[in-house]
Amino acid sequence: MMYPHFTDEEADLAPSHMAAATGDMPTYQIRAPTTALPQGVVMAASPGSLHSPQQLAEEATRKRELRLMKNREAAKECRRRKKEYVKCLESRVAVLEVQNKKLIEELETLKDICSPKTD
């Protein structure tokens, strides 16, 4: 039984006219699907299951090489950032040493001014 506004799949589960006429709960007719695979055609479980052991080994090698290359790049970037950080710290140390030396000299000057002269 086909309804003009239903697709084939929807018509498979469309309520029968008898239920609508009697006021009972609608009943559904289930038909076997009309689309079937031709004889001899088998669906594969997954595309990945068709690889040979050699292809799997090559894929593993390729993934390993890619991982190693990414790791080398990351290590190179890490070393560059560390070098920049150390350079920044060394610069800060130099500035602080100069500032400390000036403060020590200022402290000595103030001590000389404030201390009583014992000549």
Protein backbone atom coordinates (compact mmCIF):
# COMPACT_ATOMS: atom_id res chain seq x y z
CA MET A 1 0.00 0.00 0.00
CA MET A 2 1.70 3.23 -1.16
CA TYR A 3 0.91 6.77 -0.03
CA PRO A 4 1.73 9.58 -2.47
CA HIS A 5 3.60 11.66 0.14
CA PHE A 6 5.69 8.79 1.56
CA THR A 7 8.98 7.38 0.33
CA ASP A 8 9.25 3.61 -0.07
CA GLU A 9 10.80 3.25 3.39
CA GLU A 10 8.10 5.38 5.00
CA ALA A 11 5.36 3.46 3.15
CA ASP A 12 6.75 0.26 4.64
CA LEU A 13 5.81 1.54 8.08
CA ALA A 14 2.67 3.51 7.11
CA PRO A 15 -0.43 2.65 9.14
CA SER A 16 -3.04 0.60 7.36
CA HIS A 17 -6.37 2.17 6.36
CA MET A 18 -8.27 -0.37 8.45
CA ALA A 19 -6.97 1.07 11.72
CA ALA A 20 -7.87 4.62 10.77
CA ALA A 21 -11.39 3.58 9.76
CA THR A 22 -12.14 1.59 12.90
CA GLY A 23 -10.52 4.02 15.38
CA ASP A 24 -8.23 1.30 16.72
CA MET A 25 -4.52 1.74 17.23
CA PRO A 26 -2.80 1.92 13.85
CA THR A 27 -1.11 -1.28 12.75
CA TYR A 28 2.06 -1.26 10.71
CA GLN A 29 2.99 -3.51 7.86
CA ILE A 30 6.62 -4.46 7.56
CA ARG A 31 7.88 -5.43 4.12
CA ALA A 32 11.26 -6.84 3.21
CA PRO A 33 13.61 -4.19 1.81
CA THR A 34 13.58 -4.00 -1.98
CA THR A 35 17.26 -3.06 -2.26
CA ALA A 36 19.53 -6.04 -1.87
CA LEU A 37 23.13 -6.60 -2.83
CA PRO A 38 23.64 -8.57 -6.02
CA GLN A 39 24.59 -12.21 -5.58
CA GLY A 40 28.29 -12.60 -4.75
CA VAL A 41 28.80 -9.04 -3.46
CA VAL A 42 30.04 -8.92 0.12
CA MET A 43 30.45 -5.79 2.22
CA ALA A 44 33.89 -5.50 3.85
CA ALA A 45 33.98 -5.12 7.63
CA SER A 46 36.20 -2.05 7.38
CA PRO A 47 38.48 -0.60 4.72
CA GLY A 48 41.47 -0.95 7.06
CA SER A 49 41.10 -4.73 7.27
CA LEU A 50 42.14 -5.19 3.62
CA HIS A 51 45.82 -4.24 4.18
CA SER A 52 48.54 -6.80 3.87
CA PRO A 53 51.13 -7.23 6.64
CA GLN A 54 53.68 -5.44 4.45
CA GLN A 55 51.33 -2.47 4.02
CA LEU A 56 50.73 -2.38 7.77
CA ALA A 57 54.48 -2.41 8.43
CA GLU A 58 55.03 0.39 5.88
CA GLU A 59 52.24 2.41 7.47
CA ALA A 60 53.75 1.92 10.93
CA THR A 61 57.18 2.96 9.62
CA ARG A 62 55.69 6.03 7.95
CA LYS A 63 53.87 7.01 11.16
CA ARG A 64 57.05 6.51 13.19
CA GLU A 65 59.09 8.66 10.79
CA LEU A 66 56.43 11.37 10.92
CA ARG A 67 56.38 11.23 14.73
CA LEU A 68 60.18 11.42 14.89
CA MET A 69 60.24 14.36 12.49
CA LYS A 70 57.63 16.23 14.53
CA ASN A 71 59.58 15.45 17.69
CA ARG A 72 62.81 16.80 16.16
CA GLU A 73 61.03 20.03 15.19
CA ALA A 74 59.50 20.36 18.65
CA ALA A 75 62.88 19.74 20.32
CA LYS A 76 64.51 22.34 18.04
CA GLU A 77 61.84 24.88 18.95
CA CYS A 78 62.22 24.03 22.65
CA ARG A 79 66.00 24.59 22.48
CA ARG A 80 65.45 27.91 20.68
CA ARG A 81 62.98 29.11 23.35
CA LYS A 82 65.31 27.97 26.16
CA LYS A 83 68.23 29.83 24.57
CA GLU A 84 66.10 32.97 24.31
CA TYR A 85 64.98 32.57 27.94
CA VAL A 86 68.55 32.13 29.20
CA LYS A 87 69.67 35.18 27.19
CA CYS A 88 66.86 37.21 28.77
CA LEU A 89 67.87 36.00 32.26
CA GLU A 90 71.53 36.89 31.63
CA SER A 91 70.50 40.36 30.51
CA ARG A 92 68.37 40.78 33.63
CA VAL A 93 71.28 39.63 35.83
CA ALA A 94 73.55 42.23 34.20
CA VAL A 95 71.01 45.02 34.80
CA LEU A 96 70.48 43.95 38.41
CA GLU A 97 74.25 43.76 39.06
CA VAL A 98 74.66 47.34 37.81
CA GLN A 99 71.70 48.46 39.91
CA ASN A 100 73.10 46.66 42.97
CA LYS A 101 76.53 48.27 42.49
CA LYS A 102 74.93 51.74 42.28
CA LEU A 103 72.87 51.09 45.41
CA ILE A 104 75.97 49.94 47.31
CA GLU A 105 77.82 53.11 46.25
CA GLU A 106 74.82 55.24 47.28
CA LEU A 107 74.69 53.47 50.64
CA GLU A 108 78.41 54.16 51.23
CA THR A 109 77.91 57.83 50.32
CA LEU A 110 74.96 58.14 52.72
CA LYS A 111 76.95 56.43 55.49
CA ASP A 112 79.76 58.91 55.00
CA ILE A 113 77.35 61.85 55.22
CA CYS A 114 75.42 60.59 58.24
CA SER A 115 78.25 59.20 60.31
CA PRO A 116 79.99 61.62 62.74
CA LYS A 117 83.41 62.68 61.66
CA THR A 118 86.12 61.56 64.04
CA ASP A 119 89.08 63.48 62.58
